[in-house]
């Protein structure tokens, strides 16, 4: 069991969180690689990004994510990719359209 120190609205909230061993290893690897300063920071950011994605209608199962990654790798092999700025322009347009549809 890991104790998670969450920060929100100016206060801390301690939670006991039980992680699968493979998730705990993934978190430890992220911290060791320097992508987060500690497990709490990683989990706080992960939960925040999950909520934002869900609220934008971008919630996927692990199988769907694996399929999308495989499709992306296939695109790279075929040299069927888009430059970064163009990708972000399309993403902003897509997000704006989804917001209009929900309004």
N, C-alpha and C. Protein backbone atom coordinates (compact mmCIF):
# COMPACT_ATOMS: atom_id res chain seq x y z
N UNK A 1 0.85 -1.17 0.00
CA UNK A 1 0.00 0.00 0.00
C UNK A 1 0.89 1.23 0.00
N UNK A 2 0.56 2.20 -0.80
CA UNK A 2 1.32 3.44 -0.88
C UNK A 2 0.44 4.56 -0.36
N UNK A 3 1.05 5.48 0.38
CA UNK A 3 0.29 6.62 0.85
C UNK A 3 0.50 7.76 -0.13
N UNK A 4 -0.57 8.28 -0.66
CA UNK A 4 -0.54 9.33 -1.67
C UNK A 4 -0.88 10.65 -1.01
N UNK A 5 -0.01 11.62 -1.20
CA UNK A 5 -0.23 12.96 -0.67
C UNK A 5 -0.73 13.82 -1.81
N UNK A 6 -2.02 14.06 -1.87
CA UNK A 6 -2.59 14.87 -2.95
C UNK A 6 -2.66 16.32 -2.51
N UNK A 7 -2.52 17.21 -3.46
CA UNK A 7 -2.57 18.64 -3.18
C UNK A 7 -3.70 19.23 -4.00
N UNK A 8 -4.59 19.92 -3.36
CA UNK A 8 -5.69 20.53 -4.10
C UNK A 8 -6.34 21.63 -3.30
N UNK A 9 -6.56 22.73 -3.98
CA UNK A 9 -7.23 23.88 -3.37
C UNK A 9 -6.55 24.31 -2.08
N UNK A 10 -5.22 24.29 -2.11
CA UNK A 10 -4.46 24.81 -0.98
C UNK A 10 -4.36 23.89 0.22
N UNK A 11 -4.77 22.64 0.10
CA UNK A 11 -4.66 21.73 1.23
C UNK A 11 -4.19 20.37 0.77
N UNK A 12 -3.67 19.61 1.70
CA UNK A 12 -3.19 18.26 1.40
C UNK A 12 -4.22 17.25 1.88
N UNK A 13 -4.31 16.16 1.17
CA UNK A 13 -5.20 15.07 1.53
C UNK A 13 -4.41 13.78 1.42
N UNK A 14 -4.27 13.05 2.52
CA UNK A 14 -3.56 11.78 2.48
C UNK A 14 -4.52 10.66 2.16
N UNK A 15 -4.12 9.79 1.24
CA UNK A 15 -4.94 8.64 0.85
C UNK A 15 -4.06 7.40 0.87
N UNK A 16 -4.63 6.30 1.24
CA UNK A 16 -3.95 5.02 1.10
C UNK A 16 -4.36 4.44 -0.25
N UNK A 17 -3.38 4.17 -1.09
CA UNK A 17 -3.64 3.69 -2.44
C UNK A 17 -2.94 2.35 -2.62
N UNK A 18 -3.65 1.36 -3.10
CA UNK A 18 -3.06 0.06 -3.37
C UNK A 18 -2.82 -0.02 -4.87
N UNK A 19 -1.56 -0.18 -5.25
CA UNK A 19 -1.18 -0.25 -6.66
C UNK A 19 -0.79 -1.67 -7.03
N UNK A 20 -1.09 -2.03 -8.27
CA UNK A 20 -0.59 -3.29 -8.79
C UNK A 20 0.94 -3.16 -8.85
N UNK A 21 1.65 -4.25 -8.62
CA UNK A 21 3.12 -4.18 -8.65
C UNK A 21 3.67 -3.58 -9.95
N UNK A 22 3.05 -3.92 -11.09
CA UNK A 22 3.55 -3.38 -12.35
C UNK A 22 3.36 -1.87 -12.45
N UNK A 23 2.28 -1.34 -11.86
CA UNK A 23 2.08 0.11 -11.85
C UNK A 23 3.08 0.79 -10.93
N UNK A 24 3.33 0.18 -9.79
CA UNK A 24 4.32 0.74 -8.87
C UNK A 24 5.68 0.80 -9.55
N UNK A 25 6.04 -0.24 -10.30
CA UNK A 25 7.33 -0.25 -11.01
C UNK A 25 7.35 0.84 -12.08
N UNK A 26 6.25 0.99 -12.82
CA UNK A 26 6.19 2.05 -13.83
C UNK A 26 6.40 3.43 -13.20
N UNK A 27 5.78 3.66 -12.06
CA UNK A 27 5.93 4.95 -11.37
C UNK A 27 7.36 5.13 -10.92
N UNK A 28 7.93 4.10 -10.31
CA UNK A 28 9.33 4.18 -9.87
C UNK A 28 10.25 4.48 -11.05
N UNK A 29 10.01 3.83 -12.19
CA UNK A 29 10.83 4.07 -13.38
C UNK A 29 10.70 5.51 -13.87
N UNK A 30 9.49 6.06 -13.82
CA UNK A 30 9.29 7.45 -14.23
C UNK A 30 10.06 8.41 -13.33
N UNK A 31 10.04 8.14 -12.04
CA UNK A 31 10.77 8.99 -11.08
C UNK A 31 12.27 8.85 -11.32
N UNK A 32 12.75 7.62 -11.46
CA UNK A 32 14.18 7.40 -11.71
C UNK A 32 14.65 8.08 -12.99
N UNK A 33 13.78 8.12 -13.99
CA UNK A 33 14.13 8.75 -15.26
C UNK A 33 14.07 10.28 -15.19
N UNK A 34 13.59 10.80 -14.06
CA UNK A 34 13.53 12.25 -13.89
C UNK A 34 12.29 12.90 -14.46
N UNK A 35 11.30 12.12 -14.86
CA UNK A 35 10.07 12.71 -15.43
C UNK A 35 9.11 13.16 -14.34
N UNK A 36 9.42 12.83 -13.10
CA UNK A 36 8.67 13.32 -11.93
C UNK A 36 9.67 13.32 -10.77
N UNK A 37 9.48 14.24 -9.84
CA UNK A 37 10.44 14.32 -8.74
C UNK A 37 10.19 13.26 -7.67
N UNK A 38 8.95 12.76 -7.60
CA UNK A 38 8.62 11.72 -6.63
C UNK A 38 7.30 11.07 -7.05
N UNK A 39 6.95 9.93 -6.43
CA UNK A 39 5.70 9.25 -6.82
C UNK A 39 4.45 10.11 -6.64
N UNK A 40 4.42 10.94 -5.60
CA UNK A 40 3.24 11.79 -5.40
C UNK A 40 3.04 12.74 -6.57
N UNK A 41 4.13 13.37 -7.01
CA UNK A 41 4.02 14.29 -8.14
C UNK A 41 3.53 13.55 -9.39
N UNK A 42 4.09 12.39 -9.63
CA UNK A 42 3.67 11.61 -10.80
C UNK A 42 2.19 11.27 -10.73
N UNK A 43 1.73 10.74 -9.61
CA UNK A 43 0.33 10.34 -9.49
C UNK A 43 -0.61 11.53 -9.55
N UNK A 44 -0.24 12.65 -8.95
CA UNK A 44 -1.08 13.84 -9.03
C UNK A 44 -1.23 14.29 -10.48
N UNK A 45 -0.11 14.32 -11.22
CA UNK A 45 -0.18 14.73 -12.63
C UNK A 45 -0.97 13.72 -13.45
N UNK A 46 -0.75 12.43 -13.19
CA UNK A 46 -1.45 11.39 -13.95
C UNK A 46 -2.96 11.49 -13.75
N UNK A 47 -3.39 11.67 -12.52
CA UNK A 47 -4.83 11.77 -12.24
C UNK A 47 -5.39 13.03 -12.89
N UNK A 48 -4.67 14.14 -12.79
CA UNK A 48 -5.12 15.39 -13.41
C UNK A 48 -5.30 15.20 -14.92
N UNK A 49 -4.29 14.61 -15.58
CA UNK A 49 -4.38 14.42 -17.03
C UNK A 49 -5.49 13.44 -17.40
N UNK A 50 -5.71 12.44 -16.58
CA UNK A 50 -6.79 11.50 -16.84
C UNK A 50 -8.14 12.22 -16.81
N UNK A 51 -8.34 13.06 -15.80
CA UNK A 51 -9.61 13.79 -15.65
C UNK A 51 -9.82 14.74 -16.83
N UNK A 52 -8.77 15.47 -17.20
CA UNK A 52 -8.88 16.39 -18.33
C UNK A 52 -9.23 15.63 -19.61
N UNK A 53 -8.53 14.53 -19.86
CA UNK A 53 -8.81 13.73 -21.07
C UNK A 53 -10.23 13.19 -21.04
N UNK A 54 -10.65 12.69 -19.89
CA UNK A 54 -12.01 12.15 -19.78
C UNK A 54 -13.04 13.24 -20.05
N UNK A 55 -12.82 14.42 -19.48
CA UNK A 55 -13.77 15.51 -19.67
C UNK A 55 -13.82 15.98 -21.12
N UNK A 56 -12.73 15.75 -21.86
CA UNK A 56 -12.70 16.11 -23.28
C UNK A 56 -13.22 14.97 -24.16
N UNK A 57 -13.70 13.91 -23.52
CA UNK A 57 -14.22 12.78 -24.26
C UNK A 57 -13.15 11.85 -24.79
N UNK A 58 -11.97 11.91 -24.21
CA UNK A 58 -10.85 11.11 -24.69
C UNK A 58 -10.50 10.02 -23.68
N UNK A 59 -11.44 9.18 -23.35
CA UNK A 59 -11.22 8.09 -22.40
C UNK A 59 -11.13 6.78 -23.17
N UNK A 60 -10.04 6.05 -22.97
CA UNK A 60 -9.80 4.84 -23.73
C UNK A 60 -9.46 3.67 -22.81
N UNK A 61 -9.75 2.47 -23.26
CA UNK A 61 -9.35 1.26 -22.54
C UNK A 61 -7.88 0.99 -22.87
N UNK A 62 -7.22 0.18 -22.04
CA UNK A 62 -5.83 -0.18 -22.37
C UNK A 62 -5.70 -0.82 -23.76
N UNK A 63 -6.66 -1.63 -24.14
CA UNK A 63 -6.63 -2.25 -25.47
C UNK A 63 -6.73 -1.21 -26.59
N UNK A 64 -7.57 -0.21 -26.39
CA UNK A 64 -7.70 0.85 -27.39
C UNK A 64 -6.40 1.64 -27.50
N UNK A 65 -5.77 1.90 -26.38
CA UNK A 65 -4.50 2.63 -26.39
C UNK A 65 -3.44 1.81 -27.12
N UNK A 66 -3.36 0.51 -26.82
CA UNK A 66 -2.40 -0.36 -27.51
C UNK A 66 -2.64 -0.35 -29.01
N UNK A 67 -3.92 -0.40 -29.41
CA UNK A 67 -4.25 -0.39 -30.84
C UNK A 67 -3.82 0.94 -31.48
N UNK A 68 -4.08 2.06 -30.81
CA UNK A 68 -3.70 3.36 -31.36
C UNK A 68 -2.19 3.51 -31.47
N UNK A 69 -1.45 2.98 -30.49
CA UNK A 69 0.01 3.03 -30.55
C UNK A 69 0.50 2.21 -31.73
N UNK A 70 -0.06 1.01 -31.91
CA UNK A 70 0.33 0.15 -33.03
C UNK A 70 0.04 0.85 -34.36
N UNK A 71 -1.12 1.49 -34.47
CA UNK A 71 -1.46 2.21 -35.70
C UNK A 71 -0.47 3.35 -35.95
N UNK A 72 -0.10 4.05 -34.88
CA UNK A 72 0.87 5.15 -35.02
C UNK A 72 2.23 4.65 -35.47
N UNK A 73 2.67 3.52 -34.91
CA UNK A 73 3.95 2.95 -35.33
C UNK A 73 3.90 2.51 -36.78
N UNK A 74 2.76 1.96 -37.20
CA UNK A 74 2.59 1.59 -38.62
C UNK A 74 2.66 2.83 -39.51
N UNK A 75 2.04 3.93 -39.07
CA UNK A 75 2.11 5.18 -39.83
C UNK A 75 3.55 5.65 -40.00
N UNK A 76 4.33 5.54 -38.93
CA UNK A 76 5.74 5.96 -38.99
C UNK A 76 6.49 5.09 -39.99
N UNK A 77 6.25 3.79 -39.96
CA UNK A 77 6.94 2.88 -40.89
C UNK A 77 6.61 3.23 -42.34
N UNK A 78 5.37 3.67 -42.59
CA UNK A 78 4.94 4.04 -43.96
C UNK A 78 5.30 5.48 -44.30
N UNK A 79 5.94 6.18 -43.35
CA UNK A 79 6.27 7.60 -43.51
C UNK A 79 5.01 8.43 -43.74
N UNK A 80 3.93 8.03 -43.07
CA UNK A 80 2.65 8.73 -43.16
C UNK A 80 2.44 9.51 -41.87
N UNK A 81 3.23 10.57 -41.71
CA UNK A 81 3.17 11.37 -40.48
C UNK A 81 2.91 12.83 -40.81
N UNK A 82 2.67 13.61 -39.77
CA UNK A 82 2.36 15.04 -39.90
C UNK A 82 3.37 15.82 -39.06
N UNK A 83 3.83 16.95 -39.57
CA UNK A 83 4.74 17.81 -38.81
C UNK A 83 4.07 18.28 -37.52
N UNK A 84 4.86 18.54 -36.50
CA UNK A 84 4.35 18.88 -35.17
C UNK A 84 3.37 20.04 -35.15
N UNK A 85 3.72 21.17 -35.77
CA UNK A 85 2.83 22.34 -35.74
C UNK A 85 1.50 22.04 -36.41
N UNK A 86 1.54 21.29 -37.50
CA UNK A 86 0.31 20.92 -38.19
C UNK A 86 -0.53 20.00 -37.31
N UNK A 87 0.12 19.08 -36.62
CA UNK A 87 -0.60 18.17 -35.72
C UNK A 87 -1.30 18.96 -34.61
N UNK A 88 -0.60 19.93 -34.02
CA UNK A 88 -1.22 20.73 -32.97
C UNK A 88 -2.35 21.60 -33.51
N UNK A 89 -2.21 22.12 -34.73
CA UNK A 89 -3.29 22.91 -35.34
C UNK A 89 -4.53 22.04 -35.50
N UNK A 90 -4.35 20.81 -35.98
CA UNK A 90 -5.47 19.89 -36.15
C UNK A 90 -6.09 19.52 -34.80
N UNK A 91 -5.24 19.30 -33.81
CA UNK A 91 -5.74 18.95 -32.48
C UNK A 91 -6.57 20.08 -31.89
N UNK A 92 -6.09 21.32 -32.02
CA UNK A 92 -6.86 22.46 -31.51
C UNK A 92 -8.20 22.58 -32.23
N UNK A 93 -8.21 22.37 -33.54
CA UNK A 93 -9.46 22.44 -34.31
C UNK A 93 -10.41 21.33 -33.88
N UNK A 94 -9.88 20.14 -33.69
CA UNK A 94 -10.69 19.00 -33.24
C UNK A 94 -11.30 19.28 -31.86
N UNK A 95 -10.48 19.79 -30.94
CA UNK A 95 -10.97 20.10 -29.59
C UNK A 95 -12.04 21.17 -29.63
N UNK A 96 -11.84 22.19 -30.44
CA UNK A 96 -12.83 23.27 -30.56
C UNK A 96 -14.15 22.73 -31.10
N UNK A 97 -14.07 21.85 -32.09
CA UNK A 97 -15.29 21.25 -32.66
C UNK A 97 -16.03 20.41 -31.62
N UNK A 98 -15.30 19.64 -30.83
CA UNK A 98 -15.93 18.80 -29.79
C UNK A 98 -16.59 19.68 -28.73
N UNK A 99 -15.96 20.79 -28.39
CA UNK A 99 -16.58 21.71 -27.42
C UNK A 99 -17.86 22.31 -27.98
N UNK A 100 -17.85 22.67 -29.27
CA UNK A 100 -19.05 23.22 -29.90
C UNK A 100 -20.17 22.17 -29.90
N UNK A 101 -19.83 20.92 -30.17
CA UNK A 101 -20.84 19.86 -30.20
C UNK A 101 -21.47 19.64 -28.83
N UNK A 102 -20.68 19.79 -27.77
CA UNK A 102 -21.21 19.56 -26.41
C UNK A 102 -21.99 20.75 -25.91
N UNK A 103 -21.79 21.91 -26.48
CA UNK A 103 -22.45 23.13 -26.00
C UNK A 103 -23.92 23.16 -26.38
